[in-house]
Amino acid sequence: MVKLFHPDKEGVMCKVIISFLILISSGCSAPIIKNLDNQGANVICFGDSIAQGAGIDKEHSYPYLLGKLIGRPVINAGAGGDTTISALERLERDVLAKDPSLVIIELGGNDFLRRVPKEVTFMNLEEIIGKIHAKGAAVVLCDISSKHVLGGYRRGFRRLAKKTGSILVPGLLVGILENPHLKFDHIHPNREGHAVIAQRIYKEIRKYFDF
């Protein structure tokens, strides 16, 4: 079970209170994240070849590095070439059947490469998120848009995260896809790139969970 932050952690509570006051003063409402307190057992990274760790050793993939950051194993459910369509087909076997508590979704890149209509991609992502939520787990949605790649998808990821009550990781690949020193080919991150990804995911989820 993934537990929430304890209220006796004064530093965290101060940040929460300050953020809340800022939101009130700006007329905005804080996002409501679903299933934060649940009975699931596993953290799962569900994605394509980037999550899988294509081209690098398992010990340098971001799911493995994230596990080190949170102090518990993370199941790597990445599959090379996965689109949101094929991800839906294997969702039950690779995620829902594994007693998920927190599922980190990194999908959409192959949809773009295969020219799947953007609205179909987000419709599939919404269905994936809905099924995970129905299982009782919380969801992290990774915005894989970058400055020069999938820029038109950025707003869609933000809207979907808000609509579904998912934690958003903005700009997961920003500065990675454009930097040859963080990739081993034209798409896939190298060891250093995966380390950046793990830290970006950790930065967002630690706002909600005490691992």
Protein backbone atom coordinates (compact mmCIF):
# COMPACT_ATOMS: atom_id res chain seq x y z
CA MET A 1 0.00 0.00 0.00
CA VAL A 2 1.29 3.46 -0.86
CA LYS A 3 0.77 5.80 2.06
CA LEU A 4 0.09 9.50 2.03
CA PHE A 5 2.36 12.04 3.64
CA HIS A 6 1.88 12.22 7.37
CA PRO A 7 0.42 15.50 8.67
CA ASP A 8 3.16 15.82 11.28
CA LYS A 9 5.72 16.64 8.59
CA GLU A 10 5.68 20.40 9.10
CA GLY A 11 7.69 21.31 6.01
CA VAL A 12 5.38 19.43 3.70
CA MET A 13 2.28 20.78 5.38
CA CYS A 14 3.53 24.34 5.08
CA LYS A 15 3.99 23.84 1.34
CA VAL A 16 0.51 22.40 1.04
CA ILE A 17 -1.05 25.28 3.00
CA ILE A 18 0.83 27.92 1.00
CA SER A 19 -0.15 26.27 -2.29
CA PHE A 20 -3.75 26.10 -1.15
CA LEU A 21 -3.82 29.79 -0.25
CA ILE A 22 -2.29 30.70 -3.60
CA LEU A 23 -4.91 28.64 -5.40
CA ILE A 24 -7.73 30.30 -3.48
CA SER A 25 -6.39 33.78 -4.14
CA SER A 26 -6.05 33.03 -7.85
CA GLY A 27 -9.57 31.65 -8.11
CA CYS A 28 -8.31 28.19 -9.08
CA SER A 29 -9.15 24.88 -7.52
CA ALA A 30 -6.56 22.29 -6.50
CA PRO A 31 -6.55 19.14 -8.65
CA ILE A 32 -8.31 16.17 -7.11
CA ILE A 33 -6.18 13.05 -7.52
CA LYS A 34 -8.06 9.76 -7.45
CA ASN A 35 -7.17 6.69 -5.39
CA LEU A 36 -4.25 8.21 -3.49
CA ASP A 37 -4.98 6.02 -0.49
CA ASN A 38 -5.49 2.50 -1.79
CA GLN A 39 -4.77 -1.10 -0.93
CA GLY A 40 -2.71 -2.01 -3.99
CA ALA A 41 0.73 -3.52 -3.62
CA ASN A 42 2.78 -2.52 -6.66
CA VAL A 43 4.16 0.49 -8.48
CA ILE A 44 4.15 -0.14 -12.22
CA CYS A 45 5.67 1.76 -15.15
CA PHE A 46 3.43 1.14 -18.15
CA GLY A 47 4.82 2.38 -21.44
CA ASP A 48 6.69 1.77 -24.66
CA SER A 49 10.35 1.15 -25.51
CA ILE A 50 11.45 4.13 -23.43
CA ALA A 51 9.94 2.60 -20.30
CA GLN A 52 11.28 -0.78 -21.36
CA GLY A 53 14.79 0.69 -21.41
CA ALA A 54 15.61 -0.05 -25.03
CA GLY A 55 19.34 0.06 -25.72
CA ILE A 56 20.51 0.18 -22.11
CA ASP A 57 20.94 -2.21 -19.20
CA LYS A 58 17.93 -2.81 -16.96
CA GLU A 59 19.76 -1.24 -14.03
CA HIS A 60 19.89 2.08 -15.86
CA SER A 61 16.27 2.24 -17.01
CA TYR A 62 14.04 4.84 -15.40
CA PRO A 63 11.67 2.31 -13.78
CA TYR A 64 14.63 0.70 -12.01
CA LEU A 65 16.10 4.08 -11.01
CA LEU A 66 12.71 5.25 -9.77
CA GLY A 67 12.55 2.16 -7.59
CA LYS A 68 15.82 3.18 -6.01
CA LEU A 69 14.48 6.68 -5.34
CA ILE A 70 11.28 5.48 -3.66
CA GLY A 71 12.93 2.57 -1.87
CA ARG A 72 10.79 -0.21 -3.32
CA PRO A 73 10.79 -2.29 -6.51
CA VAL A 74 9.00 -0.89 -9.54
CA ILE A 75 7.53 -3.30 -12.09
CA ASN A 76 8.69 -2.50 -15.61
CA ALA A 77 5.72 -3.05 -17.94
CA GLY A 78 7.26 -1.33 -20.93
CA ALA A 79 6.92 -2.87 -24.40
CA GLY A 80 8.84 -1.81 -27.48
CA GLY A 81 6.69 -0.37 -30.24
CA ASP A 82 3.65 -0.04 -28.02
CA THR A 83 0.89 2.31 -29.08
CA THR A 84 -2.08 3.25 -26.94
CA ILE A 85 -4.03 0.67 -28.96
CA SER A 86 -1.70 -2.25 -28.18
CA ALA A 87 -1.30 -0.99 -24.61
CA LEU A 88 -5.05 -1.31 -24.11
CA GLU A 89 -4.88 -4.89 -25.33
CA ARG A 90 -2.28 -5.91 -22.75
CA LEU A 91 -3.47 -3.70 -19.89
CA GLU A 92 -5.24 -6.50 -18.03
CA ARG A 93 -2.33 -8.92 -18.22
CA ASP A 94 0.54 -6.54 -17.59
CA VAL A 95 -1.01 -4.07 -15.13
CA LEU A 96 -4.44 -4.81 -13.71
CA ALA A 97 -3.60 -8.43 -12.86
CA LYS A 98 -0.53 -7.34 -10.85
CA ASP A 99 -2.30 -5.65 -7.93
CA PRO A 100 -1.35 -2.07 -8.86
CA SER A 101 -1.21 0.75 -6.35
CA LEU A 102 0.38 3.40 -8.57
CA VAL A 103 0.64 3.16 -12.37
CA ILE A 104 2.93 5.52 -14.30
CA ILE A 105 1.84 5.84 -17.92
CA GLU A 106 4.32 6.84 -20.63
CA LEU A 107 2.60 6.35 -23.98
CA GLY A 108 1.76 8.22 -27.16
CA GLY A 109 5.08 8.50 -28.97
CA ASN A 110 4.47 5.52 -31.24
CA ASP A 111 0.95 6.76 -31.93
CA PHE A 112 2.52 9.93 -33.28
CA LEU A 113 5.09 8.04 -35.35
CA ARG A 114 2.39 5.80 -36.83
CA ARG A 115 0.09 8.73 -37.45
CA VAL A 116 -2.66 7.60 -35.14
CA PRO A 117 -5.09 10.53 -34.91
CA LYS A 118 -4.43 12.61 -31.81
CA GLU A 119 -8.03 12.34 -30.65
CA VAL A 120 -7.80 8.53 -30.82
CA THR A 121 -4.61 8.58 -28.76
CA PHE A 122 -6.22 10.60 -25.98
CA MET A 123 -9.42 8.55 -26.14
CA ASN A 124 -7.35 5.39 -25.61
CA LEU A 125 -5.36 6.99 -22.80
CA GLU A 126 -8.58 8.00 -21.07
CA GLU A 127 -9.85 4.43 -21.33
CA ILE A 128 -6.58 3.07 -19.93
CA ILE A 129 -6.72 5.51 -17.01
CA GLY A 130 -10.37 4.70 -16.35
CA LYS A 131 -9.67 0.99 -16.12
CA ILE A 132 -6.75 1.53 -13.77
CA HIS A 133 -8.83 3.79 -11.56
CA ALA A 134 -11.62 1.21 -11.55
CA LYS A 135 -9.08 -1.26 -10.21
CA GLY A 136 -8.48 1.14 -7.32
CA ALA A 137 -5.00 2.36 -8.24
CA ALA A 138 -3.71 5.91 -8.66
CA VAL A 139 -2.36 7.08 -12.02
CA VAL A 140 0.58 9.21 -13.09
CA LEU A 141 0.27 10.55 -16.65
CA CYS A 142 3.53 11.54 -18.33
CA ASP A 143 3.41 14.39 -20.82
CA ILE A 144 5.88 13.18 -23.45
CA SER A 145 5.65 16.30 -25.60
CA SER A 146 8.81 18.26 -26.20
CA LYS A 147 9.79 21.54 -27.80
CA HIS A 148 10.10 20.14 -31.30
CA VAL A 149 8.24 16.82 -30.95
CA LEU A 150 4.54 16.33 -30.14
CA GLY A 151 4.22 19.98 -29.15
CA GLY A 152 0.56 19.88 -30.11
CA TYR A 153 -0.07 17.14 -27.55
CA ARG A 154 0.98 19.15 -24.50
CA ARG A 155 -2.41 20.70 -23.83
CA GLY A 156 -4.10 17.33 -24.33
CA PHE A 157 -2.00 15.68 -21.63
CA ARG A 158 -2.74 18.49 -19.18
CA ARG A 159 -6.44 18.40 -19.88
CA LEU A 160 -6.62 14.62 -19.58
CA ALA A 161 -4.73 14.58 -16.27
CA LYS A 162 -7.11 17.17 -14.82
CA LYS A 163 -10.22 15.48 -16.23
CA THR A 164 -9.30 12.03 -14.91
CA GLY A 165 -7.79 13.01 -11.56
CA SER A 166 -4.31 11.82 -12.48
CA ILE A 167 -0.93 13.16 -11.38
CA LEU A 168 0.76 14.93 -14.30
CA VAL A 169 4.47 14.80 -15.03
CA PRO A 170 4.93 17.78 -17.36
CA GLY A 171 7.68 17.86 -19.97
CA LEU A 172 8.99 14.36 -19.28
CA LEU A 173 11.28 14.40 -22.31
CA VAL A 174 11.94 18.12 -22.62
CA GLY A 175 15.66 18.73 -23.10
CA ILE A 176 16.25 15.02 -23.68
CA LEU A 177 14.92 14.54 -27.20
CA GLU A 178 16.79 17.67 -28.29
CA ASN A 179 20.08 16.71 -26.64
CA PRO A 180 22.27 14.08 -28.33
CA HIS A 181 24.26 13.67 -25.12
CA LEU A 182 21.13 12.30 -23.39
CA LYS A 183 20.21 9.83 -26.17
CA PHE A 184 21.84 6.81 -27.76
CA ASP A 185 19.86 7.19 -30.99
CA HIS A 186 17.42 9.73 -32.44
CA ILE A 187 14.61 8.80 -30.02
CA HIS A 188 15.72 6.70 -27.05
CA PRO A 189 17.34 8.14 -23.92
CA ASN A 190 20.69 6.81 -22.75
CA ARG A 191 21.68 6.20 -19.11
CA GLU A 192 21.90 9.90 -18.36
CA GLY A 193 18.56 10.55 -20.04
CA HIS A 194 16.86 7.85 -18.01
CA ALA A 195 18.28 9.32 -14.82
CA VAL A 196 16.67 12.66 -15.70
CA ILE A 197 13.33 10.96 -16.40
CA ALA A 198 13.38 9.10 -13.07
CA GLN A 199 14.05 12.33 -11.19
CA ARG A 200 11.22 14.15 -12.99
CA ILE A 201 8.70 11.47 -12.12
CA TYR A 202 9.93 11.30 -8.54
CA LYS A 203 9.63 15.07 -8.18
CA GLU A 204 5.91 14.90 -8.96
CA ILE A 205 4.89 11.77 -7.07
CA ARG A 206 6.68 12.71 -3.87
CA LYS A 207 4.22 15.60 -3.54
CA TYR A 208 1.50 13.03 -2.87
CA PHE A 209 3.13 9.91 -1.44
CA ASP A 210 5.35 8.97 1.46
CA PHE A 211 7.31 5.94 0.27
